[in-house]
């Protein structure tokens, strides 16, 4: 279960970045992402993985989810999808540090 969650995180991170949702709330995007994956029921992990990768591919191909065609899923760039976990786990410590430092500097952690 932990390995599946660790595999889901990079794809959910990429979807978060591609979706453009960059709000500054009391809970930062990394905290929201980590919490969401942590509390996800085990039975849903496979389904969520498929949905996240599908949404990610559609957004990369069409710029948004609107008008995306499922037939385009056969054109998945394997290099992009295989490289995401490596990139994510290299970037994660910096991303968490930057977000937590921003929260401390701007009083969001009170």
PDB file of N, CA and C in Angstrom:
ATOM      1  N   UNK A   1       0.818  -1.186   0.000  1.00  0.00           N
ATOM      2  CA  UNK A   1       0.000   0.000   0.000  1.00  0.00           C
ATOM      3  C   UNK A   1       0.872   1.264   0.000  1.00  0.00           C
ATOM      4  N   UNK A   2       1.949   1.261   0.786  1.00  0.00           N
ATOM      5  CA  UNK A   2       2.842   2.419   0.825  1.00  0.00           C
ATOM      6  C   UNK A   2       3.526   2.611  -0.529  1.00  0.00           C
ATOM      7  N   UNK A   3       3.967   1.523  -1.138  1.00  0.00           N
ATOM      8  CA  UNK A   3       4.630   1.619  -2.445  1.00  0.00           C
ATOM      9  C   UNK A   3       3.674   2.172  -3.499  1.00  0.00           C
ATOM     10  N   UNK A   4       2.430   1.771  -3.463  1.00  0.00           N
ATOM     11  CA  UNK A   4       1.447   2.290  -4.426  1.00  0.00           C
ATOM     12  C   UNK A   4       1.178   3.765  -4.204  1.00  0.00           C
ATOM     13  N   UNK A   5       1.163   4.195  -2.951  1.00  0.00           N
ATOM     14  CA  UNK A   5       0.971   5.618  -2.652  1.00  0.00           C
ATOM     15  C   UNK A   5       2.179   6.433  -3.127  1.00  0.00           C
ATOM     16  N   UNK A   6       3.370   5.885  -2.910  1.00  0.00           N
ATOM     17  CA  UNK A   6       4.580   6.578  -3.362  1.00  0.00           C
ATOM     18  C   UNK A   6       4.652   6.655  -4.878  1.00  0.00           C
ATOM     19  N   UNK A   7       4.060   5.688  -5.555  1.00  0.00           N
ATOM     20  CA  UNK A   7       4.014   5.715  -7.015  1.00  0.00           C
ATOM     21  C   UNK A   7       2.954   6.692  -7.522  1.00  0.00           C
ATOM     22  N   UNK A   8       1.882   6.866  -6.775  1.00  0.00           N
ATOM     23  CA  UNK A   8       0.819   7.793  -7.175  1.00  0.00           C
ATOM     24  C   UNK A   8       1.240   9.249  -6.996  1.00  0.00           C
ATOM     25  N   UNK A   9       2.032   9.549  -5.991  1.00  0.00           N
ATOM     26  CA  UNK A   9       2.412  10.934  -5.683  1.00  0.00           C
ATOM     27  C   UNK A   9       2.993  11.718  -6.863  1.00  0.00           C
ATOM     28  N   UNK A  10       3.955  11.191  -7.621  1.00  0.00           N
ATOM     29  CA  UNK A  10       4.521  11.994  -8.714  1.00  0.00           C
ATOM     30  C   UNK A  10       3.496  12.388  -9.776  1.00  0.00           C
ATOM     31  N   UNK A  11       2.565  11.505 -10.060  1.00  0.00           N
ATOM     32  CA  UNK A  11       1.569  11.793 -11.087  1.00  0.00           C
ATOM     33  C   UNK A  11       0.533  12.796 -10.581  1.00  0.00           C
ATOM     34  N   UNK A  12       0.172  12.690  -9.307  1.00  0.00           N
ATOM     35  CA  UNK A  12      -0.733  13.672  -8.714  1.00  0.00           C
ATOM     36  C   UNK A  12      -0.053  15.042  -8.644  1.00  0.00           C
ATOM     37  N   UNK A  13       1.246  15.054  -8.353  1.00  0.00           N
ATOM     38  CA  UNK A  13       2.020  16.312  -8.328  1.00  0.00           C
ATOM     39  C   UNK A  13       2.022  16.967  -9.702  1.00  0.00           C
ATOM     40  N   UNK A  14       2.284  16.179 -10.745  1.00  0.00           N
ATOM     41  CA  UNK A  14       2.294  16.724 -12.103  1.00  0.00           C
ATOM     42  C   UNK A  14       0.922  17.252 -12.486  1.00  0.00           C
ATOM     43  N   UNK A  15      -0.126  16.546 -12.098  1.00  0.00           N
ATOM     44  CA  UNK A  15      -1.482  17.008 -12.390  1.00  0.00           C
ATOM     45  C   UNK A  15      -1.766  18.322 -11.671  1.00  0.00           C
ATOM     46  N   UNK A  16      -1.309  18.441 -10.439  1.00  0.00           N
ATOM     47  CA  UNK A  16      -1.466  19.688  -9.692  1.00  0.00           C
ATOM     48  C   UNK A  16      -0.761  20.839 -10.408  1.00  0.00           C
ATOM     49  N   UNK A  17       0.451  20.591 -10.881  1.00  0.00           N
ATOM     50  CA  UNK A  17       1.198  21.644 -11.578  1.00  0.00           C
ATOM     51  C   UNK A  17       0.563  21.994 -12.920  1.00  0.00           C
ATOM     52  N   UNK A  18       0.135  20.993 -13.682  1.00  0.00           N
ATOM     53  CA  UNK A  18      -0.482  21.246 -14.979  1.00  0.00           C
ATOM     54  C   UNK A  18      -1.853  21.894 -14.861  1.00  0.00           C
ATOM     55  N   UNK A  19      -2.548  21.654 -13.757  1.00  0.00           N
ATOM     56  CA  UNK A  19      -3.895  22.229 -13.607  1.00  0.00           C
ATOM     57  C   UNK A  19      -3.833  23.722 -13.316  1.00  0.00           C
ATOM     58  N   UNK A  20      -2.685  24.198 -12.847  1.00  0.00           N
ATOM     59  CA  UNK A  20      -2.531  25.630 -12.603  1.00  0.00           C
ATOM     60  C   UNK A  20      -3.140  26.092 -11.292  1.00  0.00           C
ATOM     61  N   UNK A  21      -3.568  25.201 -10.440  1.00  0.00           N
ATOM     62  CA  UNK A  21      -4.147  25.579  -9.155  1.00  0.00           C
ATOM     63  C   UNK A  21      -3.024  25.933  -8.190  1.00  0.00           C
ATOM     64  N   UNK A  22      -2.783  27.224  -7.986  1.00  0.00           N
ATOM     65  CA  UNK A  22      -1.678  27.672  -7.130  1.00  0.00           C
ATOM     66  C   UNK A  22      -2.208  28.624  -6.058  1.00  0.00           C
ATOM     67  N   UNK A  23      -3.189  28.211  -5.296  1.00  0.00           N
ATOM     68  CA  UNK A  23      -3.744  29.066  -4.254  1.00  0.00           C
ATOM     69  C   UNK A  23      -2.892  29.010  -3.005  1.00  0.00           C
ATOM     70  N   UNK A  24      -2.852  30.112  -2.304  1.00  0.00           N
ATOM     71  CA  UNK A  24      -2.143  30.170  -1.025  1.00  0.00           C
ATOM     72  C   UNK A  24      -3.203  30.165   0.079  1.00  0.00           C
ATOM     73  N   UNK A  25      -3.442  29.027   0.638  1.00  0.00           N
ATOM     74  CA  UNK A  25      -4.423  28.856   1.702  1.00  0.00           C
ATOM     75  C   UNK A  25      -3.685  28.506   2.986  1.00  0.00           C
ATOM     76  N   UNK A  26      -4.449  28.166   4.007  1.00  0.00           N
ATOM     77  CA  UNK A  26      -3.837  27.745   5.264  1.00  0.00           C
ATOM     78  C   UNK A  26      -3.070  26.438   5.071  1.00  0.00           C
ATOM     79  N   UNK A  27      -3.549  25.613   4.148  1.00  0.00           N
ATOM     80  CA  UNK A  27      -2.824  24.380   3.837  1.00  0.00           C
ATOM     81  C   UNK A  27      -2.197  24.552   2.462  1.00  0.00           C
ATOM     82  N   UNK A  28      -0.913  24.312   2.374  1.00  0.00           N
ATOM     83  CA  UNK A  28      -0.193  24.526   1.116  1.00  0.00           C
ATOM     84  C   UNK A  28      -0.465  23.386   0.136  1.00  0.00           C
ATOM     85  N   UNK A  29      -0.217  23.610  -1.166  1.00  0.00           N
ATOM     86  CA  UNK A  29      -0.420  22.538  -2.145  1.00  0.00           C
ATOM     87  C   UNK A  29       0.330  21.243  -1.819  1.00  0.00           C
ATOM     88  N   UNK A  30       1.609  21.300  -1.368  1.00  0.00           N
ATOM     89  CA  UNK A  30       2.261  20.031  -1.034  1.00  0.00           C
ATOM     90  C   UNK A  30       1.601  19.313   0.138  1.00  0.00           C
ATOM     91  N   UNK A  31       1.182  20.078   1.139  1.00  0.00           N
ATOM     92  CA  UNK A  31       0.519  19.465   2.281  1.00  0.00           C
ATOM     93  C   UNK A  31      -0.807  18.835   1.867  1.00  0.00           C
ATOM     94  N   UNK A  32      -1.546  19.540   1.028  1.00  0.00           N
ATOM     95  CA  UNK A  32      -2.816  19.014   0.535  1.00  0.00           C
ATOM     96  C   UNK A  32      -2.603  17.744  -0.274  1.00  0.00           C
ATOM     97  N   UNK A  33      -1.601  17.757  -1.126  1.00  0.00           N
ATOM     98  CA  UNK A  33      -1.295  16.589  -1.950  1.00  0.00           C
ATOM     99  C   UNK A  33      -0.899  15.395  -1.085  1.00  0.00           C
ATOM    100  N   UNK A  34       0.025  15.599  -0.155  1.00  0.00           N
ATOM    101  CA  UNK A  34       0.483  14.506   0.700  1.00  0.00           C
ATOM    102  C   UNK A  34      -0.640  13.976   1.586  1.00  0.00           C
ATOM    103  N   UNK A  35      -1.458  14.876   2.116  1.00  0.00           N
ATOM    104  CA  UNK A  35      -2.572  14.457   2.967  1.00  0.00           C
ATOM    105  C   UNK A  35      -3.612  13.682   2.170  1.00  0.00           C
ATOM    106  N   UNK A  36      -3.929  14.172   0.982  1.00  0.00           N
ATOM    107  CA  UNK A  36      -4.932  13.501   0.145  1.00  0.00           C
ATOM    108  C   UNK A  36      -4.512  12.079  -0.197  1.00  0.00           C
ATOM    109  N   UNK A  37      -3.253  11.897  -0.566  1.00  0.00           N
ATOM    110  CA  UNK A  37      -2.766  10.565  -0.926  1.00  0.00           C
ATOM    111  C   UNK A  37      -2.696   9.677   0.322  1.00  0.00           C
ATOM    112  N   UNK A  38      -2.343  10.262   1.459  1.00  0.00           N
ATOM    113  CA  UNK A  38      -2.214   9.479   2.692  1.00  0.00           C
ATOM    114  C   UNK A  38      -3.554   8.939   3.178  1.00  0.00           C
ATOM    115  N   UNK A  39      -4.638   9.713   3.031  1.00  0.00           N
ATOM    116  CA  UNK A  39      -5.934   9.274   3.556  1.00  0.00           C
ATOM    117  C   UNK A  39      -6.780   8.539   2.525  1.00  0.00           C
ATOM    118  N   UNK A  40      -6.287   8.420   1.318  1.00  0.00           N
ATOM    119  CA  UNK A  40      -7.015   7.712   0.262  1.00  0.00           C
ATOM    120  C   UNK A  40      -7.160   6.232   0.632  1.00  0.00           C
ATOM    121  N   UNK A  41      -8.371   5.683   0.574  1.00  0.00           N
ATOM    122  CA  UNK A  41      -8.546   4.257   0.888  1.00  0.00           C
ATOM    123  C   UNK A  41      -7.745   3.368  -0.073  1.00  0.00           C
ATOM    124  N   UNK A  42      -7.221   2.275   0.452  1.00  0.00           N
ATOM    125  CA  UNK A  42      -6.395   1.362  -0.344  1.00  0.00           C
ATOM    126  C   UNK A  42      -7.100   0.874  -1.605  1.00  0.00           C
ATOM    127  N   UNK A  43      -8.372   0.616  -1.516  1.00  0.00           N
ATOM    128  CA  UNK A  43      -9.115   0.100  -2.659  1.00  0.00           C
ATOM    129  C   UNK A  43      -9.253   1.091  -3.810  1.00  0.00           C
ATOM    130  N   UNK A  44      -9.031   2.344  -3.538  1.00  0.00           N
ATOM    131  CA  UNK A  44      -9.187   3.380  -4.560  1.00  0.00           C
ATOM    132  C   UNK A  44      -7.881   3.739  -5.256  1.00  0.00           C
ATOM    133  N   UNK A  45      -6.763   3.254  -4.764  1.00  0.00           N
ATOM    134  CA  UNK A  45      -5.464   3.670  -5.294  1.00  0.00           C
ATOM    135  C   UNK A  45      -5.308   3.397  -6.787  1.00  0.00           C
ATOM    136  N   UNK A  46      -5.673   2.220  -7.238  1.00  0.00           N
ATOM    137  CA  UNK A  46      -5.544   1.887  -8.657  1.00  0.00           C
ATOM    138  C   UNK A  46      -6.424   2.759  -9.535  1.00  0.00           C
ATOM    139  N   UNK A  47      -7.663   2.960  -9.106  1.00  0.00           N
ATOM    140  CA  UNK A  47      -8.602   3.792  -9.872  1.00  0.00           C
ATOM    141  C   UNK A  47      -8.123   5.236  -9.937  1.00  0.00           C
ATOM    142  N   UNK A  48      -7.673   5.756  -8.809  1.00  0.00           N
ATOM    143  CA  UNK A  48      -7.183   7.137  -8.775  1.00  0.00           C
ATOM    144  C   UNK A  48      -5.932   7.274  -9.641  1.00  0.00           C
ATOM    145  N   UNK A  49      -5.061   6.271  -9.633  1.00  0.00           N
ATOM    146  CA  UNK A  49      -3.851   6.300 -10.471  1.00  0.00           C
ATOM    147  C   UNK A  49      -4.236   6.408 -11.943  1.00  0.00           C
ATOM    148  N   UNK A  50      -5.192   5.593 -12.375  1.00  0.00           N
ATOM    149  CA  UNK A  50      -5.639   5.626 -13.768  1.00  0.00           C
ATOM    150  C   UNK A  50      -6.267   6.983 -14.096  1.00  0.00           C
ATOM    151  N   UNK A  51      -7.107   7.500 -13.208  1.00  0.00           N
ATOM    152  CA  UNK A  51      -7.752   8.796 -13.457  1.00  0.00           C
ATOM    153  C   UNK A  51      -6.744   9.940 -13.517  1.00  0.00           C
ATOM    154  N   UNK A  52      -5.775   9.916 -12.627  1.00  0.00           N
ATOM    155  CA  UNK A  52      -4.761  10.976 -12.601  1.00  0.00           C
ATOM    156  C   UNK A  52      -3.920  10.941 -13.875  1.00  0.00           C
ATOM    157  N   UNK A  53      -3.475   9.763 -14.284  1.00  0.00           N
ATOM    158  CA  UNK A  53      -2.660   9.657 -15.505  1.00  0.00           C
ATOM    159  C   UNK A  53      -3.485  10.038 -16.728  1.00  0.00           C
ATOM    160  N   UNK A  54      -4.756   9.623 -16.775  1.00  0.00           N
ATOM    161  CA  UNK A  54      -5.627   9.992 -17.895  1.00  0.00           C
ATOM    162  C   UNK A  54      -5.797  11.505 -17.969  1.00  0.00           C
ATOM    163  N   UNK A  55      -6.087  12.136 -16.834  1.00  0.00           N
ATOM    164  CA  UNK A  55      -6.245  13.592 -16.813  1.00  0.00           C
ATOM    165  C   UNK A  55      -4.953  14.287 -17.205  1.00  0.00           C
ATOM    166  N   UNK A  56      -3.836  13.786 -16.728  1.00  0.00           N
ATOM    167  CA  UNK A  56      -2.534  14.377 -17.043  1.00  0.00           C
ATOM    168  C   UNK A  56      -2.246  14.306 -18.539  1.00  0.00           C
ATOM    169  N   UNK A  57      -2.503  13.163 -19.129  1.00  0.00           N
ATOM    170  CA  UNK A  57      -2.270  13.006 -20.570  1.00  0.00           C
ATOM    171  C   UNK A  57      -3.201  13.917 -21.371  1.00  0.00           C
ATOM    172  N   UNK A  58      -4.467  13.997 -20.975  1.00  0.00           N
ATOM    173  CA  UNK A  58      -5.406  14.862 -21.699  1.00  0.00           C
ATOM    174  C   UNK A  58      -5.016  16.330 -21.582  1.00  0.00           C
ATOM    175  N   UNK A  59      -4.595  16.749 -20.410  1.00  0.00           N
ATOM    176  CA  UNK A  59      -4.172  18.138 -20.229  1.00  0.00           C
ATOM    177  C   UNK A  59      -2.926  18.430 -21.057  1.00  0.00           C
ATOM    178  N   UNK A  60      -1.970  17.504 -21.084  1.00  0.00           N
ATOM    179  CA  UNK A  60      -0.756  17.719 -21.882  1.00  0.00           C
ATOM    180  C   UNK A  60      -1.080  17.778 -23.373  1.00  0.00           C
ATOM    181  N   UNK A  61      -2.021  16.983 -23.822  1.00  0.00           N
ATOM    182  CA  UNK A  61      -2.350  16.930 -25.251  1.00  0.00           C
ATOM    183  C   UNK A  61      -3.209  18.100 -25.700  1.00  0.00           C
ATOM    184  N   UNK A  62      -4.123  18.553 -24.843  1.00  0.00           N
ATOM    185  CA  UNK A  62      -5.125  19.513 -25.276  1.00  0.00           C
ATOM    186  C   UNK A  62      -5.114  20.824 -24.505  1.00  0.00           C
ATOM    187  N   UNK A  63      -4.312  20.947 -23.507  1.00  0.00           N
ATOM    188  CA  UNK A  63      -4.259  22.180 -22.728  1.00  0.00           C
ATOM    189  C   UNK A  63      -5.334  22.270 -21.662  1.00  0.00           C
ATOM    190  N   UNK A  64      -6.336  21.411 -21.716  1.00  0.00           N
ATOM    191  CA  UNK A  64      -7.385  21.386 -20.699  1.00  0.00           C
ATOM    192  C   UNK A  64      -8.116  20.062 -20.801  1.00  0.00           C
ATOM    193  N   UNK A  65      -8.984  19.815 -19.859  1.00  0.00           N
ATOM    194  CA  UNK A  65      -9.780  18.587 -19.894  1.00  0.00           C
ATOM    195  C   UNK A  65     -10.923  18.705 -20.890  1.00  0.00           C
ATOM    196  N   UNK A  66     -11.349  19.908 -21.207  1.00  0.00           N
ATOM    197  CA  UNK A  66     -12.475  20.103 -22.119  1.00  0.00           C
ATOM    198  C   UNK A  66     -12.086  19.667 -23.527  1.00  0.00           C
ATOM    199  N   UNK A  67     -12.905  18.888 -24.125  1.00  0.00           N
ATOM    200  CA  UNK A  67     -12.680  18.465 -25.505  1.00  0.00           C
ATOM    201  C   UNK A  67     -11.659  17.359 -25.657  1.00  0.00           C
ATOM    202  N   UNK A  68     -11.158  16.809 -24.550  1.00  0.00           N
ATOM    203  CA  UNK A  68     -10.182  15.726 -24.634  1.00  0.00           C
ATOM    204  C   UNK A  68     -10.824  14.454 -25.156  1.00  0.00           C
ATOM    205  N   UNK A  69     -10.129  13.740 -26.007  1.00  0.00           N
ATOM    206  CA  UNK A  69     -10.668  12.493 -26.557  1.00  0.00           C
ATOM    207  C   UNK A  69      -9.895  11.324 -25.980  1.00  0.00           C
ATOM    208  N   UNK A  70     -10.627  10.308 -25.584  1.00  0.00           N
ATOM    209  CA  UNK A  70      -9.998   9.143 -24.980  1.00  0.00           C
ATOM    210  C   UNK A  70      -9.119   8.416 -25.988  1.00  0.00           C
ATOM    211  N   UNK A  71      -9.398   8.545 -27.262  1.00  0.00           N
ATOM    212  CA  UNK A  71      -8.586   7.858 -28.261  1.00  0.00           C
ATOM    213  C   UNK A  71      -7.147   8.363 -28.259  1.00  0.00           C
ATOM    214  N   UNK A  72      -6.901   9.548 -27.766  1.00  0.00           N
ATOM    215  CA  UNK A  72      -5.552  10.105 -27.709  1.00  0.00           C
ATOM    216  C   UNK A  72      -4.690   9.415 -26.652  1.00  0.00           C
ATOM    217  N   UNK A  73      -5.306   8.641 -25.764  1.00  0.00           N
ATOM    218  CA  UNK A  73      -4.546   7.977 -24.718  1.00  0.00           C
ATOM    219  C   UNK A  73      -3.562   6.964 -25.278  1.00  0.00           C
ATOM    220  N   UNK A  74      -3.776   6.536 -26.500  1.00  0.00           N
ATOM    221  CA  UNK A  74      -2.836   5.596 -27.107  1.00  0.00           C
ATOM    222  C   UNK A  74      -1.537   6.283 -27.505  1.00  0.00           C
ATOM    223  N   UNK A  75      -1.504   7.599 -27.442  1.00  0.00           N
ATOM    224  CA  UNK A  75      -0.322   8.370 -27.823  1.00  0.00           C
ATOM    225  C   UNK A  75       0.472   8.851 -26.612  1.00  0.00           C
ATOM    226  N   UNK A  76       0.394   8.150 -25.509  1.00  0.00           N
ATOM    227  CA  UNK A  76       1.100   8.550 -24.287  1.00  0.00           C
ATOM    228  C   UNK A  76       2.606   8.528 -24.528  1.00  0.00           C
ATOM    229  N   UNK A  77       3.263   9.588 -24.093  1.00  0.00           N
ATOM    230  CA  UNK A  77       4.716   9.672 -24.185  1.00  0.00           C
ATOM    231  C   UNK A  77       5.313   8.890 -23.011  1.00  0.00           C
ATOM    232  N   UNK A  78       5.851   7.702 -23.245  1.00  0.00           N
ATOM    233  CA  UNK A  78       6.352   6.895 -22.133  1.00  0.00           C
ATOM    234  C   UNK A  78       7.535   7.530 -21.405  1.00  0.00           C
ATOM    235  N   UNK A  79       8.353   8.295 -22.101  1.00  0.00           N
ATOM    236  CA  UNK A  79       9.488   8.945 -21.446  1.00  0.00           C
ATOM    237  C   UNK A  79       9.043   9.942 -20.393  1.00  0.00           C
ATOM    238  N   UNK A  80       7.982  10.688 -20.707  1.00  0.00           N
ATOM    239  CA  UNK A  80       7.453  11.651 -19.753  1.00  0.00           C
ATOM    240  C   UNK A  80       6.904  10.943 -18.523  1.00  0.00           C
ATOM    241  N   UNK A  81       6.080   9.925 -18.739  1.00  0.00           N
ATOM    242  CA  UNK A  81       5.452   9.226 -17.623  1.00  0.00           C
ATOM    243  C   UNK A  81       6.462   8.460 -16.773  1.00  0.00           C
ATOM    244  N   UNK A  82       7.469   7.886 -17.401  1.00  0.00           N
ATOM    245  CA  UNK A  82       8.476   7.143 -16.639  1.00  0.00           C
ATOM    246  C   UNK A  82       9.433   8.064 -15.893  1.00  0.00           C
ATOM    247  N   UNK A  83       9.640   9.262 -16.420  1.00  0.00           N
ATOM    248  CA  UNK A  83      10.557  10.207 -15.786  1.00  0.00           C
ATOM    249  C   UNK A  83       9.960  10.979 -14.626  1.00  0.00           C
ATOM    250  N   UNK A  84       8.625  11.007 -14.523  1.00  0.00           N
ATOM    251  CA  UNK A  84       7.994  11.783 -13.458  1.00  0.00           C
ATOM    252  C   UNK A  84       8.404  11.362 -12.042  1.00  0.00           C
ATOM    253  N   UNK A  85       8.414  10.068 -11.719  1.00  0.00           N
ATOM    254  CA  UNK A  85       8.810   9.718 -10.349  1.00  0.00           C
ATOM    255  C   UNK A  85      10.216  10.188  -9.987  1.00  0.00           C
ATOM    256  N   UNK A  86      11.147  10.080 -10.905  1.00  0.00           N
ATOM    257  CA  UNK A  86      12.523  10.525 -10.639  1.00  0.00           C
ATOM    258  C   UNK A  86      12.541  12.029 -10.395  1.00  0.00           C
ATOM    259  N   UNK A  87      11.897  12.784 -11.274  1.00  0.00           N
ATOM    260  CA  UNK A  87      11.854  14.242 -11.119  1.00  0.00           C
ATOM    261  C   UNK A  87      11.187  14.641  -9.811  1.00  0.00           C
ATOM    262  N   UNK A  88      10.080  13.988  -9.499  1.00  0.00           N
ATOM    263  CA  UNK A  88       9.330  14.338  -8.291  1.00  0.00           C
ATOM    264  C   UNK A  88      10.167  14.151  -7.030  1.00  0.00           C
ATOM    265  N   UNK A  89      10.815  13.010  -6.915  1.00  0.00           N
ATOM    266  CA  UNK A  89      11.551  12.751  -5.682  1.00  0.00           C
ATOM    267  C   UNK A  89      12.853  13.544  -5.599  1.00  0.00           C
ATOM    268  N   UNK A  90      13.309  14.115  -6.704  1.00  0.00           N
ATOM    269  CA  UNK A  90      14.441  15.051  -6.667  1.00  0.00           C
ATOM    270  C   UNK A  90      13.955  16.433  -6.232  1.00  0.00           C
ATOM    271  N   UNK A  91      12.786  16.847  -6.722  1.00  0.00           N
ATOM    272  CA  UNK A  91      12.250  18.183  -6.475  1.00  0.00           C
ATOM    273  C   UNK A  91      11.504  18.285  -5.138  1.00  0.00           C
ATOM    274  N   UNK A  92      10.958  17.186  -4.634  1.00  0.00           N
ATOM    275  CA  UNK A  92      10.098  17.212  -3.446  1.00  0.00           C
ATOM    276  C   UNK A  92      10.708  17.944  -2.245  1.00  0.00           C
ATOM    277  N   UNK A  93      11.938  17.666  -1.832  1.00  0.00           N
ATOM    278  CA  UNK A  93      12.458  18.381  -0.649  1.00  0.00           C
ATOM    279  C   UNK A  93      12.504  19.899  -0.836  1.00  0.00           C
ATOM    280  N   UNK A  94      12.899  20.366  -2.009  1.00  0.00           N
ATOM    281  CA  UNK A  94      12.946  21.814  -2.268  1.00  0.00           C
ATOM    282  C   UNK A  94      11.547  22.406  -2.280  1.00  0.00           C
ATOM    283  N   UNK A  95      10.617  21.717  -2.921  1.00  0.00           N
ATOM    284  CA  UNK A  95       9.237  22.195  -3.010  1.00  0.00           C
ATOM    285  C   UNK A  95       8.632  22.320  -1.615  1.00  0.00           C
ATOM    286  N   UNK A  96       8.798  21.290  -0.793  1.00  0.00           N
ATOM    287  CA  UNK A  96       8.274  21.342   0.573  1.00  0.00           C
ATOM    288  C   UNK A  96       8.937  22.467   1.364  1.00  0.00           C
ATOM    289  N   UNK A  97      10.252  22.585   1.243  1.00  0.00           N
ATOM    290  CA  UNK A  97      10.959  23.648   1.959  1.00  0.00           C
ATOM    291  C   UNK A  97      10.497  25.032   1.556  1.00  0.00           C
ATOM    292  N   UNK A  98      10.342  25.279   0.263  1.00  0.00           N
ATOM    293  CA  UNK A  98       9.883  26.589  -0.222  1.00  0.00           C
ATOM    294  C   UNK A  98       8.474  26.902   0.263  1.00  0.00           C
ATOM    295  N   UNK A  99       7.578  25.931   0.188  1.00  0.00           N
ATOM    296  CA  UNK A  99       6.195  26.160   0.611  1.00  0.00           C
ATOM    297  C   UNK A  99       6.111  26.400   2.113  1.00  0.00           C
ATOM    298  N   UNK A 100       6.840  25.616   2.894  1.00  0.00           N
ATOM    299  CA  UNK A 100       6.785  25.786   4.344  1.00  0.00           C
ATOM    300  C   UNK A 100       7.450  27.091   4.753  1.00  0.00           C
ATOM    301  N   UNK A 101       8.524  27.484   4.075  1.00  0.00           N
ATOM    302  CA  UNK A 101       9.166  28.766   4.380  1.00  0.00           C
ATOM    303  C   UNK A 101       8.239  29.923   4.044  1.00  0.00           C
ATOM    304  N   UNK A 102       7.516  29.830   2.911  1.00  0.00           N
ATOM    305  CA  UNK A 102       6.558  30.874   2.540  1.00  0.00           C
ATOM    306  C   UNK A 102       5.480  30.984   3.615  1.00  0.00           C
ATOM    307  N   UNK A 103       4.988  29.841   4.095  1.00  0.00           N
ATOM    308  CA  UNK A 103       3.947  29.861   5.125  1.00  0.00           C
ATOM    309  C   UNK A 103       4.465  30.514   6.411  1.00  0.00           C
ATOM    310  N   UNK A 104       5.698  30.216   6.788  1.00  0.00           N
ATOM    311  CA  UNK A 104       6.276  30.831   7.985  1.00  0.00           C
ATOM    312  C   UNK A 104       6.473  32.343   7.803  1.00  0.00           C
ATOM    313  N   UNK A 105       6.959  32.754   6.639  1.00  0.00           N
ATOM    314  CA  UNK A 105       7.220  34.170   6.365  1.00  0.00           C
ATOM    315  C   UNK A 105       5.943  34.997   6.289  1.00  0.00           C
ATOM    316  N   UNK A 106       4.857  34.380   5.817  1.00  0.00           N
ATOM    317  CA  UNK A 106       3.615  35.129   5.599  1.00  0.00           C
ATOM    318  C   UNK A 106       2.542  34.817   6.621  1.00  0.00           C
ATOM    319  N   UNK A 107       2.900  34.118   7.675  1.00  0.00           N
ATOM    320  CA  UNK A 107       1.952  33.891   8.769  1.00  0.00           C
ATOM    321  C   UNK A 107       0.851  32.908   8.474  1.00  0.00           C
ATOM    322  N   UNK A 108       0.978  32.119   7.426  1.00  0.00           N
ATOM    323  CA  UNK A 108      -0.082  31.165   7.080  1.00  0.00           C
ATOM    324  C   UNK A 108      -0.094  29.971   8.021  1.00  0.00           C
ATOM    325  N   UNK A 109       0.961  29.773   8.778  1.00  0.00           N
ATOM    326  CA  UNK A 109       1.057  28.600   9.647  1.00  0.00           C
ATOM    327  C   UNK A 109       0.558  28.868  11.054  1.00  0.00           C
ATOM    328  N   UNK A 110      -0.086  29.988  11.289  1.00  0.00           N
ATOM    329  CA  UNK A 110      -0.559  30.343  12.634  1.00  0.00           C
ATOM    330  C   UNK A 110      -1.800  29.601  13.006  1.00  0.00           C
TER     331      UNK A 110
END
